[in-house]
Amino acid sequence: MLCISAGAVPLEAQTTPARCRYVKLATLPITYSGVQPIVEGTINGAPVKMLLDTGAQQTVLTRELAEKLGLTLSHSSRVTIGVSGVSTEYRARECARK
């Protein structure tokens, strides 16, 4: 349900200066694979294509890709259950290079 108030806006809200402003930091080219937004990036210096998911809580890679990229894996004691079955979760950490 969407409710929209047609009442008057309080005077205080009209005179209060904006405290936030938009600052453009970078431009990220997005391509589409079907309806999925894809961005290009690198992991350990290797180019990769990544699904852009702004609602994701974590980044997920297949174990095969993580090993191919030279990431060190550690067991997380967690499992993921999906359409294709149950998978053991591992963690990998890549530190930003300067």
Protein backbone atom coordinates (compact mmCIF):
# COMPACT_ATOMS: atom_id res chain seq x y z
CA MET A 1 0.00 0.00 0.00
CA LEU A 2 1.30 3.44 -0.91
CA CYS A 3 0.13 6.39 1.16
CA ILE A 4 0.83 9.93 0.00
CA SER A 5 0.07 12.88 2.22
CA ALA A 6 -1.43 15.88 0.46
CA GLY A 7 -1.05 18.05 3.54
CA ALA A 8 1.22 21.07 3.84
CA VAL A 9 4.94 20.52 4.44
CA PRO A 10 6.06 22.00 7.78
CA LEU A 11 7.95 25.29 7.43
CA GLU A 12 11.01 23.81 9.20
CA ALA A 13 11.42 21.13 6.51
CA GLN A 14 11.28 23.77 3.78
CA THR A 15 13.98 25.98 5.28
CA THR A 16 16.41 23.31 6.51
CA PRO A 17 19.45 23.16 4.19
CA ALA A 18 20.34 19.83 2.59
CA ARG A 19 23.00 18.03 4.62
CA CYS A 20 23.72 15.31 2.09
CA ARG A 21 24.84 15.66 -1.47
CA TYR A 22 25.64 13.33 -4.33
CA VAL A 23 29.33 13.02 -5.21
CA LYS A 24 30.28 11.00 -8.28
CA LEU A 25 33.32 8.86 -7.46
CA ALA A 26 33.57 6.69 -10.57
CA THR A 27 31.72 5.28 -13.53
CA LEU A 28 31.20 1.52 -13.69
CA PRO A 29 30.35 0.13 -17.13
CA ILE A 30 27.58 -2.45 -16.92
CA THR A 31 26.77 -4.99 -19.61
CA TYR A 32 23.92 -7.49 -19.59
CA SER A 33 23.85 -11.24 -19.99
CA GLY A 34 20.14 -11.69 -20.64
CA VAL A 35 18.63 -9.68 -17.81
CA GLN A 36 21.61 -10.06 -15.46
CA PRO A 37 23.84 -6.98 -14.99
CA ILE A 38 27.53 -7.88 -15.36
CA VAL A 39 30.61 -5.84 -14.42
CA GLU A 40 34.23 -6.59 -15.21
CA GLY A 41 36.81 -6.70 -12.47
CA THR A 42 39.96 -8.49 -11.36
CA ILE A 43 40.79 -11.01 -8.65
CA ASN A 44 44.47 -11.60 -7.96
CA GLY A 45 45.19 -9.70 -11.17
CA ALA A 46 43.06 -12.04 -13.31
CA PRO A 47 40.14 -10.52 -15.25
CA VAL A 48 36.71 -11.80 -14.18
CA LYS A 49 33.11 -11.00 -15.01
CA MET A 50 30.87 -10.55 -11.99
CA LEU A 51 27.12 -10.47 -11.52
CA LEU A 52 26.18 -7.10 -10.04
CA ASP A 53 23.87 -7.89 -7.13
CA THR A 54 23.32 -4.86 -4.90
CA GLY A 55 21.29 -6.92 -2.42
CA ALA A 56 23.92 -9.62 -1.88
CA GLN A 57 25.46 -9.98 1.56
CA GLN A 58 28.57 -11.71 0.23
CA THR A 59 30.44 -12.54 -2.95
CA VAL A 60 30.19 -16.13 -4.11
CA LEU A 61 32.64 -17.99 -6.35
CA THR A 62 32.77 -21.61 -7.37
CA ARG A 63 35.54 -23.58 -5.70
CA GLU A 64 36.98 -24.30 -9.14
CA LEU A 65 37.26 -20.58 -9.95
CA ALA A 66 38.68 -19.72 -6.51
CA GLU A 67 41.41 -22.33 -6.96
CA LYS A 68 42.10 -21.19 -10.55
CA LEU A 69 42.54 -17.62 -9.26
CA GLY A 70 45.00 -18.81 -6.60
CA LEU A 71 42.84 -17.91 -3.61
CA THR A 72 43.65 -19.60 -0.32
CA LEU A 73 40.52 -21.36 0.96
CA SER A 74 39.65 -22.04 4.58
CA HIS A 75 36.75 -24.20 5.75
CA SER A 76 33.88 -22.19 7.22
CA SER A 77 31.90 -25.04 8.89
CA ARG A 78 28.83 -23.92 6.91
CA VAL A 79 26.88 -25.47 4.06
CA THR A 80 24.69 -23.99 1.36
CA ILE A 81 21.56 -25.74 0.15
CA GLY A 82 20.33 -24.96 -3.33
CA VAL A 83 18.63 -26.38 -6.37
CA SER A 84 21.64 -28.55 -7.25
CA GLY A 85 22.09 -29.94 -3.72
CA VAL A 86 24.27 -29.24 -0.71
CA SER A 87 27.70 -27.57 -0.93
CA THR A 88 30.34 -26.95 1.72
CA GLU A 89 31.19 -23.26 2.13
CA TYR A 90 34.79 -22.08 2.20
CA ARG A 91 36.17 -18.63 2.79
CA ALA A 92 38.80 -16.82 0.77
CA ARG A 93 40.32 -13.47 1.53
CA GLU A 94 42.04 -11.23 -0.98
CA CYS A 95 43.65 -8.10 0.35
CA ALA A 96 43.66 -4.97 -1.76
CA ARG A 97 47.03 -4.34 -3.38
CA LYS A 98 48.55 -0.88 -3.41
